[in-house]
Amino acid sequence: MDCDGVWENERTPTPLRVFGVRLHSVGLSMREVVAVLELLNVDRSHGTVWNWTHDLAEAQADPPTVEPSWVNVDEKQIELMMKQMAVRSD
């Protein structure tokens, strides 16, 4: 992924920014990403990581969708699954 155009005037090397954005995308909070970056001697605020994430998101195209975007479902199967879930929750 070529991210250099997204972050032209950044003082943090692009691979570290991409790493931070990737950490956030897999579930870490902004502050947790900052803590991981601090382990790598990179001192950035959670606001900076937020900016990285949103700058990159705005630069990316929408993901492709699968055609058709609907699925046929057997109503009887759903009914059985709902009954099984009700029995498990009791």
N, C-alpha and C. Protein backbone atom coordinates (compact mmCIF):
# COMPACT_ATOMS: atom_id res chain seq x y z
N MET A 1 0.85 -1.17 0.00
CA MET A 1 0.00 0.00 0.00
C MET A 1 0.89 1.23 0.00
N ASP A 2 0.65 2.16 -0.91
CA ASP A 2 1.44 3.38 -0.99
C ASP A 2 0.74 4.47 -0.19
N CYS A 3 1.27 4.76 0.98
CA CYS A 3 0.63 5.73 1.88
C CYS A 3 1.39 7.05 1.94
N ASP A 4 2.51 7.16 1.24
CA ASP A 4 3.33 8.36 1.35
C ASP A 4 2.58 9.61 0.93
N GLY A 5 1.71 9.52 -0.06
CA GLY A 5 0.95 10.68 -0.50
C GLY A 5 -0.05 11.15 0.53
N VAL A 6 -0.52 10.24 1.36
CA VAL A 6 -1.50 10.58 2.40
C VAL A 6 -0.83 11.39 3.50
N TRP A 7 0.41 11.02 3.83
CA TRP A 7 1.12 11.64 4.95
C TRP A 7 2.38 12.33 4.48
N GLU A 8 2.26 13.38 3.72
CA GLU A 8 3.44 14.04 3.17
C GLU A 8 4.31 14.71 4.22
N ASN A 9 3.72 15.44 5.13
CA ASN A 9 4.50 16.26 6.06
C ASN A 9 4.50 15.70 7.48
N GLU A 10 4.63 14.41 7.59
CA GLU A 10 4.64 13.77 8.90
C GLU A 10 6.07 13.51 9.36
N ARG A 11 6.29 13.61 10.67
CA ARG A 11 7.63 13.33 11.19
C ARG A 11 7.81 11.87 11.56
N THR A 12 6.72 11.11 11.61
CA THR A 12 6.80 9.69 11.94
C THR A 12 6.97 8.91 10.64
N PRO A 13 7.92 7.98 10.58
CA PRO A 13 8.09 7.19 9.36
C PRO A 13 6.80 6.46 8.97
N THR A 14 6.55 6.40 7.68
CA THR A 14 5.32 5.78 7.17
C THR A 14 5.10 4.36 7.67
N PRO A 15 6.11 3.48 7.72
CA PRO A 15 5.84 2.13 8.22
C PRO A 15 5.30 2.12 9.66
N LEU A 16 5.76 3.04 10.50
CA LEU A 16 5.24 3.10 11.87
C LEU A 16 3.80 3.61 11.90
N ARG A 17 3.48 4.56 11.04
CA ARG A 17 2.11 5.05 10.98
C ARG A 17 1.17 3.95 10.50
N VAL A 18 1.60 3.23 9.46
CA VAL A 18 0.78 2.13 8.94
C VAL A 18 0.60 1.07 10.03
N PHE A 19 1.67 0.77 10.77
CA PHE A 19 1.59 -0.19 11.87
C PHE A 19 0.58 0.28 12.91
N GLY A 20 0.62 1.56 13.27
CA GLY A 20 -0.32 2.10 14.25
C GLY A 20 -1.76 2.02 13.78
N VAL A 21 -1.98 2.36 12.51
CA VAL A 21 -3.34 2.28 11.95
C VAL A 21 -3.81 0.83 11.92
N ARG A 22 -2.91 -0.07 11.56
CA ARG A 22 -3.28 -1.50 11.51
C ARG A 22 -3.62 -2.00 12.91
N LEU A 23 -2.86 -1.60 13.93
CA LEU A 23 -3.18 -2.01 15.30
C LEU A 23 -4.58 -1.55 15.69
N HIS A 24 -4.90 -0.31 15.33
CA HIS A 24 -6.24 0.20 15.65
C HIS A 24 -7.31 -0.57 14.88
N SER A 25 -7.03 -0.92 13.64
CA SER A 25 -8.04 -1.61 12.83
C SER A 25 -8.33 -3.02 13.33
N VAL A 26 -7.39 -3.62 14.08
CA VAL A 26 -7.64 -4.96 14.62
C VAL A 26 -8.20 -4.92 16.03
N GLY A 27 -8.50 -3.72 16.54
CA GLY A 27 -9.22 -3.64 17.79
C GLY A 27 -8.59 -2.88 18.93
N LEU A 28 -7.34 -2.46 18.80
CA LEU A 28 -6.73 -1.70 19.88
C LEU A 28 -7.32 -0.29 19.90
N SER A 29 -7.47 0.27 21.08
CA SER A 29 -7.93 1.65 21.18
C SER A 29 -6.80 2.58 20.76
N MET A 30 -7.12 3.84 20.54
CA MET A 30 -6.10 4.81 20.16
C MET A 30 -5.02 4.89 21.24
N ARG A 31 -5.44 4.89 22.50
CA ARG A 31 -4.47 4.99 23.61
C ARG A 31 -3.62 3.72 23.72
N GLU A 32 -4.20 2.57 23.40
CA GLU A 32 -3.41 1.33 23.39
C GLU A 32 -2.37 1.36 22.26
N VAL A 33 -2.74 1.92 21.12
CA VAL A 33 -1.79 2.06 20.02
C VAL A 33 -0.65 2.98 20.44
N VAL A 34 -0.99 4.08 21.12
CA VAL A 34 0.04 5.00 21.61
C VAL A 34 0.99 4.28 22.56
N ALA A 35 0.45 3.42 23.43
CA ALA A 35 1.29 2.67 24.37
C ALA A 35 2.24 1.73 23.63
N VAL A 36 1.77 1.08 22.58
CA VAL A 36 2.63 0.19 21.79
C VAL A 36 3.72 1.01 21.10
N LEU A 37 3.35 2.16 20.54
CA LEU A 37 4.33 3.01 19.88
C LEU A 37 5.37 3.52 20.86
N GLU A 38 4.96 3.80 22.10
CA GLU A 38 5.91 4.23 23.12
C GLU A 38 6.95 3.15 23.41
N LEU A 39 6.54 1.88 23.31
CA LEU A 39 7.50 0.78 23.48
C LEU A 39 8.56 0.80 22.38
N LEU A 40 8.20 1.40 21.24
CA LEU A 40 9.14 1.52 20.12
C LEU A 40 9.83 2.88 20.11
N ASN A 41 9.74 3.60 21.24
CA ASN A 41 10.33 4.94 21.41
C ASN A 41 9.76 5.96 20.42
N VAL A 42 8.47 5.82 20.14
CA VAL A 42 7.76 6.78 19.29
C VAL A 42 6.73 7.47 20.19
N ASP A 43 6.94 8.76 20.44
CA ASP A 43 6.07 9.52 21.34
C ASP A 43 5.05 10.31 20.52
N ARG A 44 3.82 9.79 20.45
CA ARG A 44 2.75 10.46 19.72
C ARG A 44 1.48 10.43 20.59
N SER A 45 0.63 11.41 20.39
CA SER A 45 -0.62 11.47 21.15
C SER A 45 -1.67 10.60 20.51
N HIS A 46 -2.72 10.29 21.28
CA HIS A 46 -3.82 9.51 20.70
C HIS A 46 -4.52 10.30 19.61
N GLY A 47 -4.51 11.63 19.71
CA GLY A 47 -5.10 12.47 18.67
C GLY A 47 -4.35 12.35 17.36
N THR A 48 -3.04 12.22 17.44
CA THR A 48 -2.24 12.04 16.23
C THR A 48 -2.56 10.71 15.57
N VAL A 49 -2.68 9.65 16.37
CA VAL A 49 -3.03 8.33 15.83
C VAL A 49 -4.42 8.39 15.21
N TRP A 50 -5.34 9.11 15.85
CA TRP A 50 -6.69 9.28 15.30
C TRP A 50 -6.61 9.95 13.93
N ASN A 51 -5.78 10.99 13.82
CA ASN A 51 -5.62 11.68 12.53
C ASN A 51 -5.06 10.74 11.47
N TRP A 52 -4.07 9.92 11.83
CA TRP A 52 -3.51 8.96 10.88
C TRP A 52 -4.61 8.05 10.34
N THR A 53 -5.41 7.52 11.27
CA THR A 53 -6.46 6.57 10.90
C THR A 53 -7.46 7.21 9.95
N HIS A 54 -7.89 8.41 10.26
CA HIS A 54 -8.90 9.07 9.44
C HIS A 54 -8.34 9.59 8.12
N ASP A 55 -7.09 10.05 8.14
CA ASP A 55 -6.47 10.49 6.88
C ASP A 55 -6.36 9.33 5.91
N LEU A 56 -5.95 8.17 6.43
CA LEU A 56 -5.80 7.00 5.56
C LEU A 56 -7.17 6.50 5.08
N ALA A 57 -8.16 6.51 5.97
CA ALA A 57 -9.50 6.05 5.60
C ALA A 57 -10.08 6.92 4.48
N GLU A 58 -9.85 8.22 4.56
CA GLU A 58 -10.38 9.12 3.53
C GLU A 58 -9.69 8.93 2.19
N ALA A 59 -8.44 8.46 2.22
CA ALA A 59 -7.68 8.29 0.99
C ALA A 59 -7.97 6.96 0.30
N GLN A 60 -8.59 6.03 0.99
CA GLN A 60 -8.85 4.70 0.43
C GLN A 60 -10.19 4.67 -0.28
N ALA A 61 -10.26 3.84 -1.30
CA ALA A 61 -11.52 3.64 -2.00
C ALA A 61 -12.42 2.72 -1.18
N ASP A 62 -13.70 2.78 -1.42
CA ASP A 62 -14.63 1.89 -0.74
C ASP A 62 -14.32 0.45 -1.14
N PRO A 63 -14.46 -0.48 -0.20
CA PRO A 63 -14.20 -1.88 -0.55
C PRO A 63 -15.23 -2.39 -1.54
N PRO A 64 -14.83 -3.33 -2.37
CA PRO A 64 -15.78 -3.87 -3.35
C PRO A 64 -16.88 -4.67 -2.66
N THR A 65 -18.03 -4.71 -3.29
CA THR A 65 -19.13 -5.50 -2.74
C THR A 65 -19.33 -6.74 -3.60
N VAL A 66 -19.84 -7.76 -3.00
CA VAL A 66 -20.10 -9.00 -3.70
C VAL A 66 -21.46 -8.90 -4.36
N GLU A 67 -21.54 -9.38 -5.57
CA GLU A 67 -22.82 -9.39 -6.27
C GLU A 67 -23.33 -10.82 -6.34
N PRO A 68 -24.52 -11.13 -6.06
CA PRO A 68 -25.54 -10.23 -5.53
C PRO A 68 -25.28 -9.96 -4.04
N SER A 69 -25.82 -8.87 -3.56
CA SER A 69 -25.58 -8.50 -2.17
C SER A 69 -26.71 -8.99 -1.26
N TRP A 70 -27.34 -10.08 -1.62
CA TRP A 70 -28.39 -10.69 -0.82
C TRP A 70 -28.17 -12.19 -0.80
N VAL A 71 -28.81 -12.85 0.16
CA VAL A 71 -28.65 -14.29 0.32
C VAL A 71 -30.03 -14.90 0.56
N ASN A 72 -30.32 -16.01 -0.09
CA ASN A 72 -31.55 -16.75 0.19
C ASN A 72 -31.35 -17.55 1.47
N VAL A 73 -32.36 -17.55 2.32
CA VAL A 73 -32.27 -18.25 3.60
C VAL A 73 -33.49 -19.13 3.76
N ASP A 74 -33.26 -20.31 4.30
CA ASP A 74 -34.35 -21.24 4.57
C ASP A 74 -35.00 -20.82 5.88
N GLU A 75 -36.26 -20.42 5.84
CA GLU A 75 -36.96 -19.94 7.04
C GLU A 75 -37.05 -21.02 8.12
N LYS A 76 -37.20 -22.26 7.73
CA LYS A 76 -37.30 -23.36 8.69
C LYS A 76 -35.99 -23.48 9.48
N GLN A 77 -34.85 -23.33 8.80
CA GLN A 77 -33.56 -23.41 9.47
C GLN A 77 -33.42 -22.29 10.51
N ILE A 78 -33.85 -21.09 10.17
CA ILE A 78 -33.77 -19.97 11.10
C ILE A 78 -34.66 -20.25 12.31
N GLU A 79 -35.85 -20.77 12.07
CA GLU A 79 -36.77 -21.09 13.16
C GLU A 79 -36.13 -22.11 14.11
N LEU A 80 -35.51 -23.15 13.58
CA LEU A 80 -34.84 -24.14 14.42
C LEU A 80 -33.69 -23.53 15.21
N MET A 81 -32.90 -22.66 14.55
CA MET A 81 -31.78 -22.04 15.25
C MET A 81 -32.26 -21.13 16.38
N MET A 82 -33.36 -20.41 16.16
CA MET A 82 -33.92 -19.56 17.20
C MET A 82 -34.37 -20.38 18.40
N LYS A 83 -35.00 -21.53 18.12
CA LYS A 83 -35.44 -22.42 19.20
C LYS A 83 -34.23 -22.97 19.97
N GLN A 84 -33.17 -23.34 19.28
CA GLN A 84 -31.98 -23.84 19.94
C GLN A 84 -31.34 -22.77 20.81
N MET A 85 -31.31 -21.55 20.32
CA MET A 85 -30.74 -20.46 21.11
C MET A 85 -31.58 -20.20 22.36
N ALA A 86 -32.89 -20.31 22.25
CA ALA A 86 -33.78 -20.10 23.40
C ALA A 86 -33.56 -21.17 24.43
N VAL A 87 -33.36 -22.42 24.00
CA VAL A 87 -33.14 -23.52 24.93
C VAL A 87 -31.80 -23.34 25.65
N ARG A 88 -30.78 -22.90 24.95
CA ARG A 88 -29.44 -22.71 25.53
C ARG A 88 -29.43 -21.58 26.55
N SER A 89 -30.23 -20.55 26.33
CA SER A 89 -30.22 -19.40 27.23
C SER A 89 -31.00 -19.65 28.52
N ASP A 90 -31.81 -20.72 28.55
CA ASP A 90 -32.61 -21.01 29.77
C ASP A 90 -31.78 -21.66 30.84
